Amino acid sequence: MVSNRKAVQSSQRGAVLVEFAITVSLFLLLVLGIMEFVILLFDMARANEMTRQISRLAITADPVCNIWGTECGSTLVCPGGVVTVALSDVNTTAPSGSDPGPTGYRMLQRAQMFLPDVEASQIGVSYSCSDTGNPLRPRPIPLVTVRLQNYTHPFVIGSFLGLGTGFNFPAFEVTRLGEDLYTEG
């Protein structure tokens, strides 16, 4: 009788150990999945902020290429004209000395502060005409649109969980009106 009771207790201890292992593994899977989702949401917020910051730089700095000439592939003609370029199509080389560098380089550097693995080909800048500003201004004030597209968030933990290698972000787009610093005189 005593040996039979020990056998039952021994088998129950083994069952408890198996139940504990299953419960802990499922709990860890849940916690790791939540962590991955939080990292994904954080990166989406950073992508949104990145497009906002680049659009601010785009309206305060010189255009990434000469939108009034043919350097961008087309000329901005008003009304209704649009010039769109990818940062990979403009000068993004590092400057030498104290020169801050071309606008495309500064935009890419600012973007990589938020998303270190973003590439120049994933960032597009569009300049279009607006009907605002001083009518005596020699050129109209551009409406600047910055777009992040084809960016894939690499999973940190998700690849171990069987979620694949990454999550494709939707396109993030910010449009701002350029600054009118023109004064008569």
Protein backbone atom coordinates (compact mmCIF):
# COMPACT_ATOMS: atom_id res chain seq x y z
CA MET A 1 0.00 0.00 0.00
CA VAL A 2 2.78 2.38 0.97
CA SER A 3 4.75 1.67 -2.18
CA ASN A 4 1.62 2.19 -4.30
CA ARG A 5 1.09 5.65 -2.71
CA LYS A 6 4.71 6.62 -3.45
CA ALA A 7 4.28 5.58 -7.07
CA VAL A 8 1.16 7.74 -7.40
CA GLN A 9 2.89 10.74 -5.78
CA SER A 10 5.93 10.26 -8.01
CA SER A 11 3.82 10.20 -11.17
CA GLN A 12 1.90 13.29 -10.01
CA ARG A 13 5.16 15.16 -9.46
CA GLY A 14 6.12 14.34 -13.02
CA ALA A 15 2.75 15.57 -14.29
CA VAL A 16 3.14 18.82 -12.34
CA LEU A 17 6.57 19.34 -13.88
CA VAL A 18 5.19 18.85 -17.40
CA GLU A 19 2.27 21.20 -16.72
CA PHE A 20 4.65 23.81 -15.32
CA ALA A 21 6.92 23.57 -18.38
CA ILE A 22 3.98 24.01 -20.76
CA THR A 23 2.53 26.91 -18.76
CA VAL A 24 5.85 28.75 -18.49
CA SER A 25 6.63 28.32 -22.18
CA LEU A 26 3.19 29.65 -23.17
CA PHE A 27 3.56 32.56 -20.74
CA LEU A 28 7.01 33.44 -22.14
CA LEU A 29 5.63 33.22 -25.68
CA LEU A 30 2.87 35.65 -24.73
CA VAL A 31 5.29 38.07 -23.03
CA LEU A 32 7.73 37.98 -25.96
CA GLY A 33 4.87 38.55 -28.41
CA ILE A 34 3.72 41.58 -26.42
CA MET A 35 7.28 42.93 -26.38
CA GLU A 36 7.57 42.53 -30.15
CA PHE A 37 4.26 44.32 -30.68
CA VAL A 38 5.35 47.21 -28.44
CA ILE A 39 8.63 47.53 -30.36
CA LEU A 40 6.64 47.56 -33.62
CA LEU A 41 4.33 50.32 -32.34
CA PHE A 42 7.32 52.33 -31.12
CA ASP A 43 8.98 52.08 -34.55
CA MET A 44 5.74 53.18 -36.22
CA ALA A 45 5.71 56.27 -33.99
CA ARG A 46 9.37 56.91 -34.87
CA ALA A 47 8.60 56.58 -38.59
CA ASN A 48 5.80 59.10 -38.23
CA GLU A 49 8.05 61.52 -36.35
CA MET A 50 10.83 60.98 -38.90
CA THR A 51 8.62 62.07 -41.81
CA ARG A 52 7.51 65.11 -39.81
CA GLN A 53 11.11 66.11 -39.03
CA ILE A 54 12.27 65.62 -42.62
CA SER A 55 9.37 67.69 -43.93
CA ARG A 56 10.39 70.49 -41.54
CA LEU A 57 13.95 70.30 -42.87
CA ALA A 58 12.63 70.25 -46.45
CA ILE A 59 10.71 73.51 -46.03
CA THR A 60 13.48 75.37 -44.19
CA ALA A 61 16.44 74.24 -46.32
CA ASP A 62 17.14 74.47 -50.01
CA PRO A 63 15.24 71.93 -52.14
CA VAL A 64 16.99 68.58 -52.60
CA CYS A 65 17.53 69.52 -56.23
CA ASN A 66 16.86 72.56 -58.42
CA ILE A 67 13.07 72.31 -58.76
CA TRP A 68 13.01 75.43 -60.96
CA GLY A 69 15.51 73.93 -63.42
CA THR A 70 15.83 70.49 -64.97
CA GLU A 71 18.12 68.90 -62.37
CA CYS A 72 15.22 66.94 -60.79
CA GLY A 73 14.20 65.42 -64.09
CA SER A 74 11.41 67.94 -64.58
CA THR A 75 10.71 71.59 -63.82
CA LEU A 76 8.14 72.80 -61.32
CA VAL A 77 5.58 74.66 -63.40
CA CYS A 78 2.75 76.54 -61.72
CA PRO A 79 -0.14 76.14 -61.40
CA GLY A 80 -0.58 72.42 -60.90
CA GLY A 81 2.99 71.21 -61.35
CA VAL A 82 4.62 68.53 -59.21
CA VAL A 83 8.26 67.42 -58.98
CA THR A 84 8.89 64.16 -57.12
CA VAL A 85 12.32 62.74 -56.33
CA ALA A 86 13.64 59.91 -54.19
CA LEU A 87 16.58 60.71 -51.94
CA SER A 88 18.52 58.00 -53.76
CA ASP A 89 18.31 60.17 -56.92
CA VAL A 90 19.95 63.24 -55.34
CA ASN A 91 23.27 64.03 -53.70
CA THR A 92 23.45 62.29 -50.30
CA THR A 93 27.24 62.20 -50.01
CA ALA A 94 28.88 63.30 -46.79
CA PRO A 95 30.29 66.84 -46.81
CA SER A 96 33.87 67.78 -46.12
CA GLY A 97 34.99 70.31 -43.55
CA SER A 98 32.44 72.52 -41.83
CA ASP A 99 29.97 72.45 -44.74
CA PRO A 100 26.62 71.06 -43.48
CA GLY A 101 26.24 69.19 -46.73
CA PRO A 102 23.53 69.00 -49.36
CA THR A 103 19.91 68.88 -48.24
CA GLY A 104 19.55 65.25 -49.37
CA TYR A 105 22.44 64.23 -47.13
CA ARG A 106 21.00 66.09 -44.13
CA MET A 107 17.56 64.54 -44.73
CA LEU A 108 19.01 61.03 -44.86
CA GLN A 109 21.07 61.65 -41.70
CA ARG A 110 18.00 62.91 -39.86
CA ALA A 111 15.95 59.92 -41.06
CA GLN A 112 18.61 57.48 -39.87
CA MET A 113 18.54 59.09 -36.42
CA PHE A 114 14.99 57.74 -36.09
CA LEU A 115 15.21 54.53 -38.16
CA PRO A 116 18.88 53.49 -38.51
CA ASP A 117 18.22 50.97 -41.30
CA VAL A 118 16.13 53.23 -43.55
CA GLU A 119 17.54 53.69 -47.07
CA ALA A 120 17.52 56.75 -49.31
CA SER A 121 15.35 54.94 -51.89
CA GLN A 122 12.57 54.60 -49.29
CA ILE A 123 12.22 58.37 -48.80
CA GLY A 124 10.52 60.49 -51.45
CA VAL A 125 10.18 64.25 -51.56
CA SER A 126 7.59 66.04 -53.71
CA TYR A 127 7.38 69.74 -54.43
CA SER A 128 4.14 71.14 -55.78
CA CYS A 129 2.76 74.63 -56.36
CA SER A 130 0.67 76.49 -53.84
CA ASP A 131 -1.30 79.67 -54.42
CA THR A 132 -0.17 81.34 -51.21
CA GLY A 133 2.35 83.99 -50.26
CA ASN A 134 3.28 87.41 -51.49
CA PRO A 135 2.05 87.88 -55.09
CA LEU A 136 5.23 89.87 -55.87
CA ARG A 137 7.37 86.88 -54.97
CA PRO A 138 9.40 85.77 -57.99
CA ARG A 139 8.54 82.10 -57.46
CA PRO A 140 5.53 80.52 -55.73
CA ILE A 141 5.87 78.94 -52.31
CA PRO A 142 6.24 75.17 -52.72
CA LEU A 143 4.06 72.66 -50.95
CA VAL A 144 6.46 69.95 -49.74
CA THR A 145 5.43 66.33 -49.23
CA VAL A 146 7.75 63.77 -47.64
CA ARG A 147 6.86 60.10 -47.96
CA LEU A 148 8.34 56.99 -46.33
CA GLN A 149 7.47 53.90 -48.33
CA ASN A 150 8.51 50.26 -48.65
CA TYR A 151 9.99 50.19 -45.15
CA THR A 152 10.03 46.83 -43.39
CA HIS A 153 10.33 46.69 -39.62
CA PRO A 154 12.72 43.82 -38.86
CA PHE A 155 11.39 41.58 -36.11
CA VAL A 156 13.65 41.30 -33.10
CA ILE A 157 11.92 38.44 -31.31
CA GLY A 158 9.24 37.60 -33.87
CA SER A 159 11.49 35.52 -36.10
CA PHE A 160 11.88 33.06 -33.21
CA LEU A 161 8.12 33.06 -32.71
CA GLY A 162 7.47 32.13 -36.34
CA LEU A 163 6.19 35.58 -37.39
CA GLY A 164 8.56 35.85 -40.34
CA THR A 165 11.39 38.32 -40.84
CA GLY A 166 9.54 41.63 -40.67
CA PHE A 167 6.42 43.74 -40.95
CA ASN A 168 5.84 46.03 -43.96
CA PHE A 169 4.88 49.48 -42.75
CA PRO A 170 2.17 51.42 -44.54
CA ALA A 171 3.37 54.55 -46.31
CA PHE A 172 3.84 57.54 -44.00
CA GLU A 173 3.30 60.93 -45.64
CA VAL A 174 3.52 64.50 -44.34
CA THR A 175 2.70 67.62 -46.37
CA ARG A 176 3.76 71.10 -45.29
CA LEU A 177 3.71 74.52 -46.84
CA GLY A 178 7.12 76.04 -47.53
CA GLU A 179 8.20 79.19 -45.76
CA ASP A 180 7.68 82.59 -47.36
CA LEU A 181 10.60 84.76 -46.31
CA TYR A 182 10.23 87.07 -49.31
CA THR A 183 10.04 90.76 -48.53
CA GLU A 184 9.63 93.60 -50.95
CA GLY A 185 12.58 95.76 -51.48
